Amino acid sequence: MRTTVVRVRRAAAAAAWVVLIAGCGGGVGGSAPTSAVSSASFGQKAVHADLDAAIKAAGLPGGRTQAGFKGSRPTRPVATAKDRKLATLVPRLTPCVVSWTSNATWSSSGTDPAKVRRQLDTVLSGLAARGWKVTQPSEEAPIGGGGSYFMATYKKQGWILNARHSRLQSLNQSTVMITEEACFGRLTDEELALFDDD
C-alpha cells in the first residue's frame, strides 16, 4: 500500500512537470468539469482560488495561474510511443492540475536575483496561511556557476503542491505545480509506469 501511494505521488508530480516541460498539453484546455474528477468541495476551482489569493497577497501580477495544461508550452513533436501515450493522458489529467510560473528574469535585466526567490517564499507563506501543510521539508541545493535549486512540497485536502525555484547564471524563475492525488491514483499500473525513470 505504501509503495502504491508513493508511486502515485511521484507520478502526479512527474506527470505535471512532463506536460509543462514537454508541452504535450499545448492547446488542451481545462474544459473537463472538476466535479468529474473530484466530488469533494475542495476541487480545482478552490485550489486555483487559493493560489491566486497567495499570489495577489505577495504583490505579484495576477492572471498567470492556470487550471489544467492549456497554453503551458508550444507542443513539441510526439516522437516516441511513450510520448504518444503520455499525450493521451493529458485530457484526463487536465482537471487535476493547477499551476503558476513567475515571469522569468534574466541577469541582464538588472533585477535582484534574490527577489524572485523571496516572492516564492511569500506565495508559500500565503498558501500555508490558507491551510497548506508542508509535507517535505524545503531543500535548497547549489548548482554550478553560482546558481541554486529550491524545492518544497505541501498538501491540502488531497492536493499536492510542488514548488520549485531555479537560479542559474542567466535565468531566475519560480514554478508552482499542484496536482490532485486521487486523480492520479486512478491511473493503471501501465500508465503509472510511463512516469517512471527510464
N, C-alpha and C. Protein backbone atom coordinates (compact mmCIF):
# COMPACT_ATOMS: atom_id res chain seq x y z
N MET A 1 0.83 -1.19 0.00
CA MET A 1 0.00 0.00 0.00
C MET A 1 0.87 1.26 0.00
N ARG A 2 1.84 1.32 0.90
CA ARG A 2 2.72 2.49 0.98
C ARG A 2 3.44 2.70 -0.34
N THR A 3 3.89 1.61 -0.98
CA THR A 3 4.59 1.72 -2.26
C THR A 3 3.67 2.31 -3.31
N THR A 4 2.40 1.91 -3.33
CA THR A 4 1.44 2.44 -4.30
C THR A 4 1.21 3.92 -4.08
N VAL A 5 1.04 4.35 -2.83
CA VAL A 5 0.82 5.76 -2.52
C VAL A 5 2.02 6.59 -2.96
N VAL A 6 3.21 6.13 -2.64
CA VAL A 6 4.43 6.85 -3.04
C VAL A 6 4.52 6.92 -4.56
N ARG A 7 4.20 5.82 -5.22
CA ARG A 7 4.27 5.78 -6.68
C ARG A 7 3.26 6.74 -7.31
N VAL A 8 2.06 6.81 -6.76
CA VAL A 8 1.04 7.73 -7.27
C VAL A 8 1.48 9.17 -7.06
N ARG A 9 2.03 9.47 -5.89
CA ARG A 9 2.50 10.84 -5.63
C ARG A 9 3.63 11.22 -6.57
N ARG A 10 4.55 10.28 -6.77
CA ARG A 10 5.66 10.53 -7.68
C ARG A 10 5.14 10.75 -9.11
N ALA A 11 4.16 9.93 -9.52
CA ALA A 11 3.59 10.05 -10.86
C ALA A 11 2.86 11.38 -11.03
N ALA A 12 2.14 11.81 -9.99
CA ALA A 12 1.41 13.08 -10.07
C ALA A 12 2.37 14.24 -10.30
N ALA A 13 3.45 14.25 -9.54
CA ALA A 13 4.44 15.31 -9.72
C ALA A 13 5.12 15.20 -11.08
N ALA A 14 5.51 13.99 -11.44
CA ALA A 14 6.21 13.80 -12.71
C ALA A 14 5.32 14.13 -13.90
N ALA A 15 4.06 13.74 -13.84
CA ALA A 15 3.15 13.99 -14.96
C ALA A 15 3.00 15.48 -15.20
N ALA A 16 2.81 16.21 -14.14
CA ALA A 16 2.63 17.65 -14.29
C ALA A 16 3.87 18.30 -14.89
N TRP A 17 5.04 17.92 -14.41
CA TRP A 17 6.28 18.51 -14.93
C TRP A 17 6.54 18.06 -16.36
N VAL A 18 6.23 16.79 -16.68
CA VAL A 18 6.43 16.31 -18.05
C VAL A 18 5.61 17.15 -19.03
N VAL A 19 4.35 17.38 -18.66
CA VAL A 19 3.49 18.14 -19.56
C VAL A 19 3.93 19.58 -19.67
N LEU A 20 4.34 20.19 -18.58
CA LEU A 20 4.80 21.57 -18.65
C LEU A 20 6.08 21.69 -19.47
N ILE A 21 7.03 20.81 -19.22
CA ILE A 21 8.32 20.91 -19.90
C ILE A 21 8.22 20.48 -21.35
N ALA A 22 7.55 19.35 -21.58
CA ALA A 22 7.48 18.81 -22.93
C ALA A 22 6.46 19.53 -23.79
N GLY A 23 5.48 20.15 -23.16
CA GLY A 23 4.48 20.85 -23.93
C GLY A 23 3.44 19.92 -24.53
N CYS A 24 3.27 18.73 -24.00
CA CYS A 24 2.30 17.79 -24.55
C CYS A 24 0.90 18.37 -24.51
N GLY A 25 0.66 19.29 -23.59
CA GLY A 25 -0.70 19.79 -23.43
C GLY A 25 -1.02 21.04 -24.19
N GLY A 26 -0.17 21.50 -25.07
CA GLY A 26 -0.45 22.71 -25.81
C GLY A 26 -1.80 22.61 -26.48
N GLY A 27 -2.65 23.59 -26.21
CA GLY A 27 -3.96 23.61 -26.83
C GLY A 27 -5.01 22.79 -26.11
N VAL A 28 -4.66 22.04 -25.11
CA VAL A 28 -5.65 21.27 -24.37
C VAL A 28 -6.10 22.11 -23.20
N GLY A 29 -7.36 22.42 -23.16
CA GLY A 29 -7.86 23.31 -22.12
C GLY A 29 -8.37 22.57 -20.91
N GLY A 30 -8.71 23.32 -19.89
CA GLY A 30 -9.28 22.74 -18.69
C GLY A 30 -10.79 22.65 -18.79
N SER A 31 -11.32 22.16 -19.90
CA SER A 31 -12.75 22.16 -20.14
C SER A 31 -13.48 21.06 -19.40
N ALA A 32 -12.80 19.99 -19.01
CA ALA A 32 -13.47 18.92 -18.28
C ALA A 32 -13.88 19.45 -16.92
N PRO A 33 -15.10 19.20 -16.49
CA PRO A 33 -15.54 19.74 -15.21
C PRO A 33 -14.77 19.13 -14.06
N THR A 34 -14.47 19.96 -13.07
CA THR A 34 -13.75 19.50 -11.91
C THR A 34 -14.53 18.40 -11.20
N SER A 35 -15.86 18.50 -11.19
CA SER A 35 -16.66 17.51 -10.48
C SER A 35 -16.48 16.11 -11.05
N ALA A 36 -16.04 16.00 -12.32
CA ALA A 36 -15.80 14.68 -12.90
C ALA A 36 -14.60 14.02 -12.25
N VAL A 37 -13.72 14.82 -11.70
CA VAL A 37 -12.52 14.29 -11.08
C VAL A 37 -12.66 14.22 -9.57
N SER A 38 -13.24 15.22 -9.00
CA SER A 38 -13.32 15.28 -7.55
C SER A 38 -14.71 15.72 -7.12
N SER A 39 -15.36 14.92 -6.30
CA SER A 39 -16.67 15.31 -5.80
C SER A 39 -16.53 16.11 -4.52
N ALA A 40 -15.32 16.21 -4.01
CA ALA A 40 -15.08 16.96 -2.78
C ALA A 40 -15.28 18.45 -3.04
N SER A 41 -15.59 19.18 -1.97
CA SER A 41 -15.81 20.62 -2.11
C SER A 41 -14.50 21.35 -2.42
N PHE A 42 -13.40 20.75 -2.08
CA PHE A 42 -12.11 21.39 -2.37
C PHE A 42 -11.58 20.82 -3.69
N GLY A 43 -12.05 21.39 -4.78
CA GLY A 43 -11.66 20.93 -6.11
C GLY A 43 -10.74 21.92 -6.79
N GLN A 44 -10.63 21.78 -8.11
CA GLN A 44 -9.70 22.58 -8.89
C GLN A 44 -9.96 24.08 -8.73
N LYS A 45 -11.24 24.49 -8.69
CA LYS A 45 -11.57 25.92 -8.55
C LYS A 45 -11.06 26.47 -7.22
N ALA A 46 -11.25 25.69 -6.14
CA ALA A 46 -10.80 26.14 -4.82
C ALA A 46 -9.28 26.21 -4.75
N VAL A 47 -8.61 25.24 -5.35
CA VAL A 47 -7.14 25.24 -5.39
C VAL A 47 -6.65 26.47 -6.16
N HIS A 48 -7.28 26.71 -7.30
CA HIS A 48 -6.95 27.87 -8.14
C HIS A 48 -7.13 29.16 -7.34
N ALA A 49 -8.24 29.25 -6.59
CA ALA A 49 -8.51 30.45 -5.79
C ALA A 49 -7.46 30.64 -4.70
N ASP A 50 -7.06 29.54 -4.03
CA ASP A 50 -6.01 29.62 -3.01
C ASP A 50 -4.71 30.17 -3.60
N LEU A 51 -4.32 29.62 -4.73
CA LEU A 51 -3.06 30.04 -5.36
C LEU A 51 -3.15 31.49 -5.82
N ASP A 52 -4.26 31.87 -6.45
CA ASP A 52 -4.43 33.26 -6.88
C ASP A 52 -4.36 34.22 -5.71
N ALA A 53 -5.01 33.87 -4.59
CA ALA A 53 -5.02 34.74 -3.42
C ALA A 53 -3.61 34.90 -2.84
N ALA A 54 -2.86 33.81 -2.80
CA ALA A 54 -1.49 33.87 -2.27
C ALA A 54 -0.60 34.71 -3.18
N ILE A 55 -0.80 34.60 -4.48
CA ILE A 55 -0.01 35.39 -5.43
C ILE A 55 -0.34 36.86 -5.31
N LYS A 56 -1.63 37.16 -5.20
CA LYS A 56 -2.07 38.55 -5.05
C LYS A 56 -1.51 39.14 -3.75
N ALA A 57 -1.57 38.37 -2.65
CA ALA A 57 -1.06 38.83 -1.36
C ALA A 57 0.45 39.08 -1.41
N ALA A 58 1.14 38.35 -2.29
CA ALA A 58 2.59 38.53 -2.44
C ALA A 58 2.92 39.75 -3.30
N GLY A 59 1.88 40.40 -3.84
CA GLY A 59 2.11 41.59 -4.66
C GLY A 59 2.54 41.27 -6.08
N LEU A 60 2.29 40.04 -6.51
CA LEU A 60 2.67 39.64 -7.86
C LEU A 60 1.52 39.88 -8.82
N PRO A 61 1.82 40.07 -10.11
CA PRO A 61 0.74 40.29 -11.07
C PRO A 61 -0.15 39.06 -11.18
N GLY A 62 -1.45 39.26 -11.24
CA GLY A 62 -2.39 38.15 -11.37
C GLY A 62 -2.47 37.66 -12.80
N GLY A 63 -3.29 36.63 -12.99
CA GLY A 63 -3.54 36.13 -14.33
C GLY A 63 -2.54 35.13 -14.86
N ARG A 64 -1.54 34.76 -14.07
CA ARG A 64 -0.55 33.79 -14.55
C ARG A 64 -0.83 32.39 -14.01
N THR A 65 -1.85 32.26 -13.18
CA THR A 65 -2.24 30.96 -12.65
C THR A 65 -3.16 30.30 -13.67
N GLN A 66 -3.00 29.02 -13.88
CA GLN A 66 -3.88 28.34 -14.83
C GLN A 66 -4.32 26.99 -14.29
N ALA A 67 -5.55 26.64 -14.67
CA ALA A 67 -6.09 25.32 -14.36
C ALA A 67 -5.83 24.44 -15.57
N GLY A 68 -5.31 23.25 -15.34
CA GLY A 68 -5.03 22.35 -16.45
C GLY A 68 -3.73 22.68 -17.14
N PHE A 69 -3.63 22.23 -18.39
CA PHE A 69 -2.38 22.35 -19.12
C PHE A 69 -2.43 23.36 -20.26
N LYS A 70 -3.57 24.01 -20.48
CA LYS A 70 -3.74 24.89 -21.63
C LYS A 70 -2.66 25.96 -21.67
N GLY A 71 -2.04 26.08 -22.82
CA GLY A 71 -1.07 27.14 -23.05
C GLY A 71 0.23 26.98 -22.29
N SER A 72 0.52 25.79 -21.78
CA SER A 72 1.73 25.63 -20.97
C SER A 72 2.98 25.90 -21.76
N ARG A 73 3.13 25.29 -22.90
CA ARG A 73 4.29 25.49 -23.78
C ARG A 73 3.87 25.07 -25.19
N PRO A 74 4.59 25.49 -26.18
CA PRO A 74 4.26 25.01 -27.52
C PRO A 74 4.40 23.49 -27.58
N THR A 75 3.54 22.87 -28.35
CA THR A 75 3.58 21.42 -28.46
C THR A 75 4.83 20.99 -29.21
N ARG A 76 5.56 20.05 -28.64
CA ARG A 76 6.73 19.50 -29.33
C ARG A 76 6.30 18.27 -30.12
N PRO A 77 7.05 17.86 -31.09
CA PRO A 77 6.67 16.66 -31.83
C PRO A 77 6.60 15.46 -30.89
N VAL A 78 5.56 14.64 -31.07
CA VAL A 78 5.40 13.43 -30.26
C VAL A 78 6.17 12.33 -30.97
N ALA A 79 7.40 12.09 -30.50
CA ALA A 79 8.34 11.25 -31.24
C ALA A 79 8.28 9.77 -30.90
N THR A 80 8.10 9.45 -29.64
CA THR A 80 8.18 8.04 -29.24
C THR A 80 6.81 7.51 -28.83
N ALA A 81 6.72 6.20 -28.71
CA ALA A 81 5.48 5.58 -28.26
C ALA A 81 5.14 6.07 -26.85
N LYS A 82 6.14 6.22 -26.02
CA LYS A 82 5.92 6.71 -24.66
C LYS A 82 5.35 8.13 -24.69
N ASP A 83 5.93 8.99 -25.55
CA ASP A 83 5.42 10.36 -25.68
C ASP A 83 3.95 10.36 -26.11
N ARG A 84 3.62 9.49 -27.06
CA ARG A 84 2.23 9.42 -27.54
C ARG A 84 1.29 8.96 -26.43
N LYS A 85 1.72 7.99 -25.65
CA LYS A 85 0.89 7.50 -24.55
C LYS A 85 0.70 8.60 -23.49
N LEU A 86 1.78 9.33 -23.19
CA LEU A 86 1.68 10.44 -22.24
C LEU A 86 0.71 11.50 -22.76
N ALA A 87 0.79 11.80 -24.05
CA ALA A 87 -0.08 12.82 -24.63
C ALA A 87 -1.56 12.43 -24.53
N THR A 88 -1.86 11.14 -24.60
CA THR A 88 -3.26 10.72 -24.50
C THR A 88 -3.81 10.86 -23.08
N LEU A 89 -2.92 10.94 -22.09
CA LEU A 89 -3.37 11.11 -20.71
C LEU A 89 -3.75 12.55 -20.39
N VAL A 90 -3.26 13.50 -21.19
CA VAL A 90 -3.45 14.91 -20.89
C VAL A 90 -4.91 15.30 -20.69
N PRO A 91 -5.84 14.92 -21.56
CA PRO A 91 -7.24 15.31 -21.33
C PRO A 91 -7.81 14.79 -20.00
N ARG A 92 -7.41 13.59 -19.60
CA ARG A 92 -7.88 13.04 -18.32
C ARG A 92 -7.26 13.75 -17.13
N LEU A 93 -6.03 14.21 -17.27
CA LEU A 93 -5.31 14.80 -16.14
C LEU A 93 -5.50 16.32 -16.04
N THR A 94 -6.00 16.94 -17.08
CA THR A 94 -6.17 18.40 -17.08
C THR A 94 -6.99 18.91 -15.90
N PRO A 95 -8.10 18.27 -15.53
CA PRO A 95 -8.86 18.77 -14.38
C PRO A 95 -8.17 18.54 -13.03
N CYS A 96 -7.02 17.89 -13.05
CA CYS A 96 -6.32 17.52 -11.82
C CYS A 96 -5.11 18.41 -11.55
N VAL A 97 -4.97 19.52 -12.30
CA VAL A 97 -3.75 20.31 -12.22
C VAL A 97 -4.06 21.80 -12.15
N VAL A 98 -3.31 22.51 -11.30
CA VAL A 98 -3.30 23.97 -11.26
C VAL A 98 -1.82 24.37 -11.21
N SER A 99 -1.44 25.40 -11.96
CA SER A 99 -0.02 25.77 -11.98
C SER A 99 0.17 27.27 -12.05
N TRP A 100 1.37 27.68 -11.71
CA TRP A 100 1.78 29.09 -11.79
C TRP A 100 3.27 29.12 -12.08
N THR A 101 3.67 30.02 -12.95
CA THR A 101 5.09 30.25 -13.23
C THR A 101 5.35 31.73 -13.16
N SER A 102 6.39 32.12 -12.43
CA SER A 102 6.74 33.54 -12.35
C SER A 102 7.29 34.01 -13.68
N ASN A 103 7.27 35.30 -13.89
CA ASN A 103 7.95 35.83 -15.05
C ASN A 103 9.43 35.54 -14.89
N ALA A 104 10.04 35.01 -15.92
CA ALA A 104 11.48 34.73 -15.85
C ALA A 104 12.24 36.04 -15.84
N THR A 105 13.26 36.11 -15.02
CA THR A 105 14.13 37.28 -15.07
C THR A 105 15.49 36.84 -15.57
N TRP A 106 16.14 37.71 -16.26
CA TRP A 106 17.44 37.41 -16.85
C TRP A 106 18.49 38.28 -16.18
N SER A 107 19.70 37.80 -16.13
CA SER A 107 20.77 38.52 -15.44
C SER A 107 20.96 39.91 -16.03
N SER A 108 20.67 40.08 -17.31
CA SER A 108 20.85 41.37 -17.96
C SER A 108 19.73 42.36 -17.61
N SER A 109 18.67 41.90 -16.91
CA SER A 109 17.53 42.79 -16.62
C SER A 109 17.79 43.74 -15.46
N GLY A 110 18.84 43.48 -14.68
CA GLY A 110 19.15 44.33 -13.55
C GLY A 110 18.31 44.01 -12.31
N THR A 111 17.49 42.97 -12.37
CA THR A 111 16.65 42.56 -11.24
C THR A 111 17.50 41.86 -10.19
N ASP A 112 17.21 42.16 -8.93
CA ASP A 112 17.89 41.49 -7.83
C ASP A 112 17.60 39.99 -7.92
N PRO A 113 18.64 39.15 -8.06
CA PRO A 113 18.42 37.71 -8.22
C PRO A 113 17.65 37.08 -7.06
N ALA A 114 17.77 37.63 -5.88
CA ALA A 114 17.09 37.05 -4.71
C ALA A 114 15.61 37.45 -4.65
N LYS A 115 15.20 38.45 -5.45
CA LYS A 115 13.83 38.95 -5.38
C LYS A 115 12.81 37.88 -5.78
N VAL A 116 13.06 37.17 -6.87
CA VAL A 116 12.12 36.15 -7.34
C VAL A 116 11.98 35.05 -6.30
N ARG A 117 13.06 34.67 -5.68
CA ARG A 117 13.05 33.63 -4.64
C ARG A 117 12.25 34.10 -3.43
N ARG A 118 12.44 35.37 -3.02
CA ARG A 118 11.68 35.92 -1.90
C ARG A 118 10.18 35.95 -2.22
N GLN A 119 9.86 36.26 -3.47
CA GLN A 119 8.45 36.27 -3.88
C GLN A 119 7.84 34.88 -3.73
N LEU A 120 8.58 33.84 -4.12
CA LEU A 120 8.08 32.48 -3.96
C LEU A 120 7.86 32.17 -2.48
N ASP A 121 8.79 32.56 -1.62
CA ASP A 121 8.62 32.35 -0.18
C ASP A 121 7.34 33.02 0.32
N THR A 122 7.04 34.22 -0.19
CA THR A 122 5.84 34.94 0.22
C THR A 122 4.59 34.21 -0.26
N VAL A 123 4.62 33.69 -1.49
CA VAL A 123 3.50 32.90 -2.01
C VAL A 123 3.28 31.67 -1.14
N LEU A 124 4.36 30.96 -0.80
CA LEU A 124 4.25 29.75 0.03
C LEU A 124 3.73 30.08 1.43
N SER A 125 4.15 31.21 1.98
CA SER A 125 3.63 31.64 3.29
C SER A 125 2.13 31.90 3.20
N GLY A 126 1.70 32.53 2.10
CA GLY A 126 0.28 32.78 1.89
C GLY A 126 -0.52 31.50 1.77
N LEU A 127 0.04 30.51 1.11
CA LEU A 127 -0.63 29.21 0.99
C LEU A 127 -0.69 28.50 2.34
N ALA A 128 0.38 28.59 3.12
CA ALA A 128 0.39 27.99 4.47
C ALA A 128 -0.70 28.63 5.33
N ALA A 129 -0.92 29.94 5.17
CA ALA A 129 -1.96 30.63 5.92
C ALA A 129 -3.35 30.16 5.49
N ARG A 130 -3.44 29.56 4.30
CA ARG A 130 -4.71 29.05 3.79
C ARG A 130 -4.84 27.54 4.02
N GLY A 131 -4.01 26.98 4.89
CA GLY A 131 -4.16 25.59 5.28
C GLY A 131 -3.29 24.59 4.55
N TRP A 132 -2.38 25.04 3.68
CA TRP A 132 -1.46 24.11 3.01
C TRP A 132 -0.36 23.75 4.00
N LYS A 133 -0.15 22.45 4.19
CA LYS A 133 0.83 21.95 5.17
C LYS A 133 2.07 21.41 4.47
N VAL A 134 3.23 21.73 5.02
CA VAL A 134 4.49 21.22 4.48
C VAL A 134 4.52 19.72 4.69
N THR A 135 4.80 18.96 3.61
CA THR A 135 4.91 17.51 3.73
C THR A 135 6.33 17.02 3.48
N GLN A 136 7.12 17.85 2.85
CA GLN A 136 8.53 17.54 2.63
C GLN A 136 9.31 18.81 2.91
N PRO A 137 10.24 18.76 3.85
CA PRO A 137 10.97 19.98 4.19
C PRO A 137 11.61 20.61 2.94
N SER A 138 11.68 21.92 2.98
CA SER A 138 12.29 22.65 1.87
C SER A 138 13.75 22.24 1.72
N GLU A 139 14.17 22.17 0.48
CA GLU A 139 15.57 21.86 0.19
C GLU A 139 16.11 22.88 -0.79
N GLU A 140 17.29 23.36 -0.55
CA GLU A 140 17.94 24.27 -1.49
C GLU A 140 19.35 23.74 -1.72
N ALA A 141 19.68 23.56 -2.98
CA ALA A 141 20.98 22.99 -3.32
C ALA A 141 21.71 23.91 -4.29
N PRO A 142 22.99 24.07 -4.09
CA PRO A 142 23.76 24.87 -5.05
C PRO A 142 23.93 24.08 -6.35
N ILE A 143 23.95 24.81 -7.44
CA ILE A 143 24.27 24.20 -8.74
C ILE A 143 25.37 25.02 -9.38
N GLY A 144 26.02 24.44 -10.36
CA GLY A 144 27.19 25.06 -10.99
C GLY A 144 27.01 26.51 -11.37
N GLY A 145 28.11 27.23 -11.34
CA GLY A 145 28.11 28.63 -11.76
C GLY A 145 27.46 29.59 -10.78
N GLY A 146 27.36 29.20 -9.51
CA GLY A 146 26.80 30.09 -8.50
C GLY A 146 25.28 30.08 -8.44
N GLY A 147 24.63 29.16 -9.12
CA GLY A 147 23.18 29.08 -9.10
C GLY A 147 22.68 28.23 -7.94
N SER A 148 21.37 28.09 -7.88
CA SER A 148 20.77 27.26 -6.83
C SER A 148 19.45 26.69 -7.33
N TYR A 149 19.01 25.62 -6.66
CA TYR A 149 17.75 24.96 -6.98
C TYR A 149 17.02 24.70 -5.67
N PHE A 150 15.80 25.23 -5.56
CA PHE A 150 14.99 25.10 -4.35
C PHE A 150 13.74 24.30 -4.68
N MET A 151 13.31 23.45 -3.74
CA MET A 151 12.04 22.77 -3.90
C MET A 151 11.39 22.56 -2.54
N ALA A 152 10.04 22.56 -2.55
CA ALA A 152 9.26 22.34 -1.34
C ALA A 152 7.96 21.66 -1.74
N THR A 153 7.40 20.86 -0.83
CA THR A 153 6.15 20.16 -1.11
C THR A 153 5.16 20.42 0.02
N TYR A 154 3.93 20.74 -0.37
CA TYR A 154 2.84 21.00 0.56
C TYR A 154 1.65 20.12 0.17
N LYS A 155 0.68 20.00 1.09
CA LYS A 155 -0.51 19.21 0.79
C LYS A 155 -1.71 19.84 1.47
N LYS A 156 -2.86 19.74 0.79
CA LYS A 156 -4.12 20.19 1.38
C LYS A 156 -5.26 19.39 0.76
N GLN A 157 -6.03 18.74 1.58
CA GLN A 157 -7.25 18.04 1.18
C GLN A 157 -7.11 17.24 -0.11
N GLY A 158 -6.08 16.44 -0.19
CA GLY A 158 -5.89 15.54 -1.33
C GLY A 158 -5.17 16.15 -2.52
N TRP A 159 -4.70 17.36 -2.38
CA TRP A 159 -3.93 18.01 -3.45
C TRP A 159 -2.49 18.16 -3.00
N ILE A 160 -1.55 17.94 -3.90
CA ILE A 160 -0.12 18.03 -3.60
C ILE A 160 0.47 19.20 -4.37
N LEU A 161 1.17 20.06 -3.67
CA LEU A 161 1.79 21.25 -4.26
C LEU A 161 3.30 21.06 -4.28
N ASN A 162 3.89 21.18 -5.46
CA ASN A 162 5.34 21.14 -5.61
C ASN A 162 5.81 22.51 -6.06
N ALA A 163 6.64 23.15 -5.26
CA ALA A 163 7.19 24.46 -5.60
C ALA A 163 8.65 24.31 -5.96
N ARG A 164 9.06 25.02 -7.00
CA ARG A 164 10.45 24.96 -7.47
C ARG A 164 10.95 26.38 -7.75
N HIS A 165 12.22 26.60 -7.51
CA HIS A 165 12.86 27.85 -7.92
C HIS A 165 14.24 27.50 -8.47
N SER A 166 14.51 27.98 -9.65
CA SER A 166 15.83 27.76 -10.27
C SER A 166 16.50 29.10 -10.49
N ARG A 167 17.72 29.21 -9.99
CA ARG A 167 18.52 30.40 -10.25
C ARG A 167 19.81 29.94 -10.92
N LEU A 168 19.93 30.30 -12.17
CA LEU A 168 21.12 29.96 -12.94
C LEU A 168 21.87 31.25 -13.24
N GLN A 169 22.94 31.15 -13.99
CA GLN A 169 23.69 32.35 -14.32
C GLN A 169 22.84 33.38 -15.05
N SER A 170 21.97 32.90 -15.95
CA SER A 170 21.22 33.86 -16.76
C SER A 170 19.71 33.86 -16.47
N LEU A 171 19.18 32.81 -15.84
CA LEU A 171 17.74 32.68 -15.66
C LEU A 171 17.38 32.52 -14.19
N ASN A 172 16.27 33.15 -13.81
CA ASN A 172 15.80 33.13 -12.43
C ASN A 172 14.29 32.97 -12.48
N GLN A 173 13.74 31.81 -12.06
CA GLN A 173 12.32 31.58 -12.23
C GLN A 173 11.76 30.64 -11.15
N SER A 174 10.50 30.90 -10.77
CA SER A 174 9.79 30.05 -9.81
C SER A 174 8.59 29.42 -10.48
N THR A 175 8.24 28.20 -10.03
CA THR A 175 7.09 27.48 -10.56
C THR A 175 6.39 26.77 -9.42
N VAL A 176 5.06 26.78 -9.45
CA VAL A 176 4.24 26.02 -8.51
C VAL A 176 3.36 25.10 -9.34
N MET A 177 3.36 23.82 -9.02
CA MET A 177 2.53 22.84 -9.71
C MET A 177 1.73 22.09 -8.65
N ILE A 178 0.39 22.11 -8.78
CA ILE A 178 -0.48 21.46 -7.80
C ILE A 178 -1.27 20.37 -8.53
N THR A 179 -1.25 19.17 -7.98
CA THR A 179 -1.94 18.04 -8.62
C THR A 179 -2.84 17.34 -7.61
N GLU A 180 -3.94 16.78 -8.11
CA GLU A 180 -4.87 16.06 -7.24
C GLU A 180 -4.44 14.60 -7.15
N GLU A 181 -4.16 14.16 -5.94
CA GLU A 181 -3.63 12.81 -5.72
C GLU A 181 -4.61 11.72 -6.15
N ALA A 182 -5.90 11.86 -5.85
CA ALA A 182 -6.89 10.82 -6.19
C ALA A 182 -7.00 10.63 -7.69
N CYS A 183 -6.90 11.71 -8.43
CA CYS A 183 -6.99 11.63 -9.89
C CYS A 183 -5.86 10.76 -10.44
N PHE A 184 -4.66 10.99 -9.97
CA PHE A 184 -3.52 10.21 -10.42
C PHE A 184 -3.57 8.79 -9.85
N GLY A 185 -4.27 8.62 -8.72
CA GLY A 185 -4.44 7.30 -8.14
C GLY A 185 -5.30 6.38 -8.98
N ARG A 186 -6.08 6.94 -9.90
CA ARG A 186 -6.91 6.13 -10.78
C ARG A 186 -6.18 5.67 -12.04
N LEU A 187 -4.93 6.07 -12.20
CA LEU A 187 -4.17 5.60 -13.35
C LEU A 187 -3.85 4.12 -13.18
N THR A 188 -3.77 3.41 -14.29
CA THR A 188 -3.42 1.99 -14.24
C THR A 188 -1.93 1.86 -13.96
N ASP A 189 -1.50 0.65 -13.61
CA ASP A 189 -0.07 0.41 -13.40
C ASP A 189 0.73 0.74 -14.67
N GLU A 190 0.17 0.41 -15.82
CA GLU A 190 0.86 0.70 -17.08
C GLU A 190 1.01 2.20 -17.30
N GLU A 191 -0.04 2.96 -16.96
CA GLU A 191 0.03 4.41 -17.10
C GLU A 191 1.00 5.01 -16.08
N LEU A 192 0.98 4.51 -14.86
CA LEU A 192 1.93 4.99 -13.86
C LEU A 192 3.36 4.74 -14.28
N ALA A 193 3.58 3.59 -14.95
CA ALA A 193 4.94 3.25 -15.38
C ALA A 193 5.48 4.24 -16.40
N LEU A 194 4.61 4.96 -17.11
CA LEU A 194 5.07 5.96 -18.07
C LEU A 194 5.87 7.07 -17.40
N PHE A 195 5.61 7.28 -16.11
CA PHE A 195 6.29 8.34 -15.38
C PHE A 195 7.51 7.88 -14.62
N ASP A 196 7.79 6.57 -14.66
CA ASP A 196 8.98 6.05 -14.01
C ASP A 196 10.20 6.46 -14.81
N ASP A 197 11.31 6.63 -14.12
CA ASP A 197 12.56 6.95 -14.81
C ASP A 197 12.96 5.79 -15.69
N ASP A 198 13.50 6.13 -16.86
CA ASP A 198 13.98 5.07 -17.78
C ASP A 198 15.26 4.45 -17.27
